[in-house]
Amino acid sequence: MGILKDILIGGAALKALKQSNRPGVVPPSNCTLLGMEHVGFGRTWKIIYIDNDNPNLKLNFKISPGTTSRTSRGSGSWKFHWS
């Protein structure tokens, strides 16, 4: 039982370390960034936003390291900065 407990604690510590490497996000002018959520044990992030033309609808997409930009449905593009 002690080994299993050590593995679980190690996994939690690894997740906390990975979560500290948040990307910088610059949204286009027609979108408002609501938040970011870390997904799983990897370095994937879920970006949650709204389109200013339709504020009742929350939208999201996922990014991982290596993603530097994304074109939004309207005009403008997202920029991502990884440390």
N, C-alpha and C. Protein backbone atom coordinates (compact mmCIF):
# COMPACT_ATOMS: atom_id res chain seq x y z
N MET A 1 0.81 -1.19 0.00
CA MET A 1 0.00 0.00 0.00
C MET A 1 0.86 1.26 0.00
N GLY A 2 2.04 1.21 0.60
CA GLY A 2 2.92 2.37 0.66
C GLY A 2 3.43 2.80 -0.71
N ILE A 3 3.70 1.84 -1.60
CA ILE A 3 4.19 2.17 -2.94
C ILE A 3 3.09 2.86 -3.74
N LEU A 4 1.87 2.37 -3.64
CA LEU A 4 0.75 2.98 -4.35
C LEU A 4 0.53 4.43 -3.89
N LYS A 5 0.65 4.64 -2.60
CA LYS A 5 0.49 5.99 -2.06
C LYS A 5 1.57 6.92 -2.59
N ASP A 6 2.82 6.42 -2.67
CA ASP A 6 3.93 7.22 -3.20
C ASP A 6 3.70 7.57 -4.67
N ILE A 7 3.19 6.63 -5.44
CA ILE A 7 2.92 6.87 -6.85
C ILE A 7 1.84 7.94 -7.01
N LEU A 8 0.79 7.87 -6.21
CA LEU A 8 -0.28 8.86 -6.29
C LEU A 8 0.21 10.25 -5.92
N ILE A 9 1.01 10.34 -4.88
CA ILE A 9 1.56 11.63 -4.46
C ILE A 9 2.50 12.18 -5.53
N GLY A 10 3.31 11.30 -6.12
CA GLY A 10 4.20 11.72 -7.20
C GLY A 10 3.43 12.21 -8.41
N GLY A 11 2.32 11.55 -8.75
CA GLY A 11 1.49 11.98 -9.87
C GLY A 11 0.87 13.34 -9.62
N ALA A 12 0.43 13.58 -8.39
CA ALA A 12 -0.14 14.88 -8.04
C ALA A 12 0.92 15.98 -8.12
N ALA A 13 2.13 15.68 -7.67
CA ALA A 13 3.21 16.66 -7.73
C ALA A 13 3.58 16.96 -9.18
N LEU A 14 3.59 15.95 -10.04
CA LEU A 14 3.89 16.15 -11.45
C LEU A 14 2.83 17.02 -12.10
N LYS A 15 1.57 16.77 -11.80
CA LYS A 15 0.48 17.58 -12.36
C LYS A 15 0.62 19.03 -11.91
N ALA A 16 0.96 19.26 -10.65
CA ALA A 16 1.14 20.63 -10.16
C ALA A 16 2.30 21.32 -10.87
N LEU A 17 3.37 20.59 -11.13
CA LEU A 17 4.52 21.16 -11.84
C LEU A 17 4.14 21.53 -13.26
N LYS A 18 3.45 20.65 -13.95
CA LYS A 18 3.04 20.91 -15.33
C LYS A 18 2.06 22.08 -15.40
N GLN A 19 1.21 22.21 -14.40
CA GLN A 19 0.21 23.26 -14.40
C GLN A 19 0.83 24.64 -14.21
N SER A 20 2.04 24.70 -13.69
CA SER A 20 2.68 25.99 -13.47
C SER A 20 3.21 26.58 -14.77
N ASN A 21 3.24 25.83 -15.86
CA ASN A 21 3.74 26.31 -17.15
C ASN A 21 2.58 26.76 -18.03
N ARG A 22 1.82 27.75 -17.58
CA ARG A 22 0.67 28.24 -18.33
C ARG A 22 1.13 29.03 -19.55
N PRO A 23 0.46 28.88 -20.68
CA PRO A 23 0.80 29.70 -21.84
C PRO A 23 0.21 31.10 -21.71
N GLY A 24 0.84 32.05 -22.37
CA GLY A 24 0.26 33.38 -22.47
C GLY A 24 -0.72 33.37 -23.63
N VAL A 25 -1.90 33.94 -23.44
CA VAL A 25 -2.94 33.92 -24.45
C VAL A 25 -3.35 35.35 -24.78
N VAL A 26 -3.33 35.68 -26.09
CA VAL A 26 -3.79 36.99 -26.57
C VAL A 26 -4.98 36.74 -27.49
N PRO A 27 -6.20 37.06 -27.02
CA PRO A 27 -7.39 36.82 -27.85
C PRO A 27 -7.57 37.92 -28.90
N PRO A 28 -8.31 37.62 -29.97
CA PRO A 28 -8.63 38.67 -30.95
C PRO A 28 -9.61 39.68 -30.34
N SER A 29 -9.77 40.80 -30.98
CA SER A 29 -10.60 41.87 -30.43
C SER A 29 -12.08 41.51 -30.35
N ASN A 30 -12.54 40.54 -31.14
CA ASN A 30 -13.96 40.20 -31.13
C ASN A 30 -14.29 39.07 -30.14
N CYS A 31 -13.32 38.65 -29.33
CA CYS A 31 -13.54 37.58 -28.34
C CYS A 31 -13.11 38.04 -26.95
N THR A 32 -13.75 37.46 -25.93
CA THR A 32 -13.38 37.73 -24.54
C THR A 32 -12.97 36.41 -23.89
N LEU A 33 -11.76 36.37 -23.36
CA LEU A 33 -11.25 35.19 -22.70
C LEU A 33 -11.87 35.06 -21.32
N LEU A 34 -12.50 33.91 -21.03
CA LEU A 34 -13.12 33.69 -19.73
C LEU A 34 -12.22 32.92 -18.78
N GLY A 35 -11.42 32.00 -19.31
CA GLY A 35 -10.56 31.22 -18.43
C GLY A 35 -9.78 30.15 -19.16
N MET A 36 -8.91 29.50 -18.39
CA MET A 36 -8.09 28.40 -18.89
C MET A 36 -8.14 27.27 -17.88
N GLU A 37 -8.20 26.03 -18.37
CA GLU A 37 -8.19 24.86 -17.50
C GLU A 37 -7.11 23.90 -17.98
N HIS A 38 -6.35 23.37 -17.04
CA HIS A 38 -5.36 22.35 -17.36
C HIS A 38 -6.08 21.03 -17.57
N VAL A 39 -5.71 20.30 -18.63
CA VAL A 39 -6.39 19.05 -18.97
C VAL A 39 -5.44 17.87 -18.72
N GLY A 40 -5.83 16.94 -17.86
CA GLY A 40 -5.08 15.70 -17.63
C GLY A 40 -3.70 15.91 -17.04
N PHE A 41 -2.82 14.94 -17.30
CA PHE A 41 -1.46 14.98 -16.78
C PHE A 41 -0.48 15.58 -17.78
N GLY A 42 -0.91 15.85 -19.00
CA GLY A 42 -0.03 16.39 -20.03
C GLY A 42 0.08 17.90 -19.95
N ARG A 43 0.42 18.51 -21.06
CA ARG A 43 0.57 19.97 -21.11
C ARG A 43 -0.51 20.59 -21.97
N THR A 44 -1.68 19.98 -22.01
CA THR A 44 -2.79 20.47 -22.79
C THR A 44 -3.63 21.44 -21.94
N TRP A 45 -4.07 22.53 -22.56
CA TRP A 45 -4.88 23.53 -21.89
C TRP A 45 -6.18 23.75 -22.66
N LYS A 46 -7.26 23.92 -21.94
CA LYS A 46 -8.57 24.21 -22.52
C LYS A 46 -8.81 25.71 -22.35
N ILE A 47 -9.04 26.40 -23.47
CA ILE A 47 -9.28 27.83 -23.48
C ILE A 47 -10.79 28.04 -23.58
N ILE A 48 -11.37 28.79 -22.65
CA ILE A 48 -12.80 29.06 -22.63
C ILE A 48 -13.01 30.54 -22.91
N TYR A 49 -13.89 30.83 -23.89
CA TYR A 49 -14.09 32.21 -24.31
C TYR A 49 -15.51 32.42 -24.81
N ILE A 50 -15.87 33.69 -25.03
CA ILE A 50 -17.13 34.02 -25.68
C ILE A 50 -16.84 34.93 -26.87
N ASP A 51 -17.67 34.82 -27.88
CA ASP A 51 -17.63 35.73 -29.02
C ASP A 51 -18.46 36.94 -28.61
N ASN A 52 -17.92 38.14 -28.75
CA ASN A 52 -18.62 39.34 -28.30
C ASN A 52 -19.94 39.57 -29.04
N ASP A 53 -20.09 39.03 -30.25
CA ASP A 53 -21.33 39.17 -31.00
C ASP A 53 -22.42 38.24 -30.47
N ASN A 54 -22.04 37.18 -29.78
CA ASN A 54 -22.98 36.20 -29.24
C ASN A 54 -22.57 35.84 -27.80
N PRO A 55 -22.79 36.74 -26.84
CA PRO A 55 -22.28 36.53 -25.48
C PRO A 55 -22.98 35.43 -24.68
N ASN A 56 -24.08 34.89 -25.18
CA ASN A 56 -24.79 33.83 -24.45
C ASN A 56 -24.19 32.45 -24.67
N LEU A 57 -23.25 32.33 -25.57
CA LEU A 57 -22.68 31.03 -25.93
C LEU A 57 -21.22 30.96 -25.53
N LYS A 58 -20.89 30.04 -24.61
CA LYS A 58 -19.49 29.81 -24.23
C LYS A 58 -18.87 28.84 -25.23
N LEU A 59 -17.70 29.18 -25.71
CA LEU A 59 -16.97 28.34 -26.66
C LEU A 59 -15.65 27.93 -26.03
N ASN A 60 -15.04 26.85 -26.55
CA ASN A 60 -13.75 26.42 -26.03
C ASN A 60 -12.99 25.67 -27.10
N PHE A 61 -11.68 25.57 -26.91
CA PHE A 61 -10.80 24.75 -27.73
C PHE A 61 -9.60 24.38 -26.88
N LYS A 62 -8.85 23.38 -27.34
CA LYS A 62 -7.69 22.91 -26.59
C LYS A 62 -6.42 23.24 -27.37
N ILE A 63 -5.37 23.58 -26.61
CA ILE A 63 -4.07 23.82 -27.21
C ILE A 63 -3.02 23.03 -26.44
N SER A 64 -1.91 22.77 -27.10
CA SER A 64 -0.78 22.10 -26.47
C SER A 64 0.49 22.79 -26.95
N PRO A 65 1.65 22.53 -26.31
CA PRO A 65 2.88 23.20 -26.71
C PRO A 65 3.16 23.04 -28.20
N GLY A 66 3.64 24.09 -28.78
CA GLY A 66 3.88 24.10 -30.22
C GLY A 66 2.83 24.91 -30.96
N THR A 67 1.66 25.08 -30.35
CA THR A 67 0.62 25.90 -30.96
C THR A 67 0.96 27.36 -30.71
N THR A 68 1.11 28.14 -31.77
CA THR A 68 1.47 29.54 -31.62
C THR A 68 0.35 30.49 -32.03
N SER A 69 -0.58 30.02 -32.86
CA SER A 69 -1.68 30.89 -33.25
C SER A 69 -2.87 30.04 -33.70
N ARG A 70 -4.02 30.70 -33.78
CA ARG A 70 -5.25 30.04 -34.21
C ARG A 70 -6.16 31.13 -34.78
N THR A 71 -6.78 30.84 -35.92
CA THR A 71 -7.71 31.79 -36.52
C THR A 71 -9.09 31.57 -35.93
N SER A 72 -9.73 32.66 -35.51
CA SER A 72 -11.06 32.53 -34.91
C SER A 72 -12.11 32.48 -36.02
N ARG A 73 -13.34 32.10 -35.64
CA ARG A 73 -14.42 31.97 -36.62
C ARG A 73 -14.72 33.29 -37.31
N GLY A 74 -14.64 34.37 -36.59
CA GLY A 74 -14.85 35.69 -37.18
C GLY A 74 -13.52 36.22 -37.70
N SER A 75 -13.30 37.48 -37.54
CA SER A 75 -12.02 38.06 -37.94
C SER A 75 -11.06 38.04 -36.75
N GLY A 76 -9.79 38.05 -37.05
CA GLY A 76 -8.78 38.07 -36.00
C GLY A 76 -8.20 36.69 -35.73
N SER A 77 -7.12 36.68 -34.98
CA SER A 77 -6.50 35.40 -34.65
C SER A 77 -5.98 35.43 -33.22
N TRP A 78 -5.93 34.25 -32.62
CA TRP A 78 -5.41 34.04 -31.27
C TRP A 78 -3.90 33.90 -31.35
N LYS A 79 -3.19 34.37 -30.35
CA LYS A 79 -1.73 34.21 -30.23
C LYS A 79 -1.42 33.52 -28.91
N PHE A 80 -0.50 32.56 -28.94
CA PHE A 80 -0.12 31.82 -27.74
C PHE A 80 1.39 31.92 -27.55
N HIS A 81 1.81 32.19 -26.31
CA HIS A 81 3.22 32.30 -25.96
C HIS A 81 3.54 31.27 -24.89
N TRP A 82 4.44 30.34 -25.20
CA TRP A 82 4.82 29.27 -24.28
C TRP A 82 6.16 29.60 -23.67
N SER A 83 6.32 29.33 -22.38
CA SER A 83 7.59 29.60 -21.69
C SER A 83 8.49 28.38 -21.77
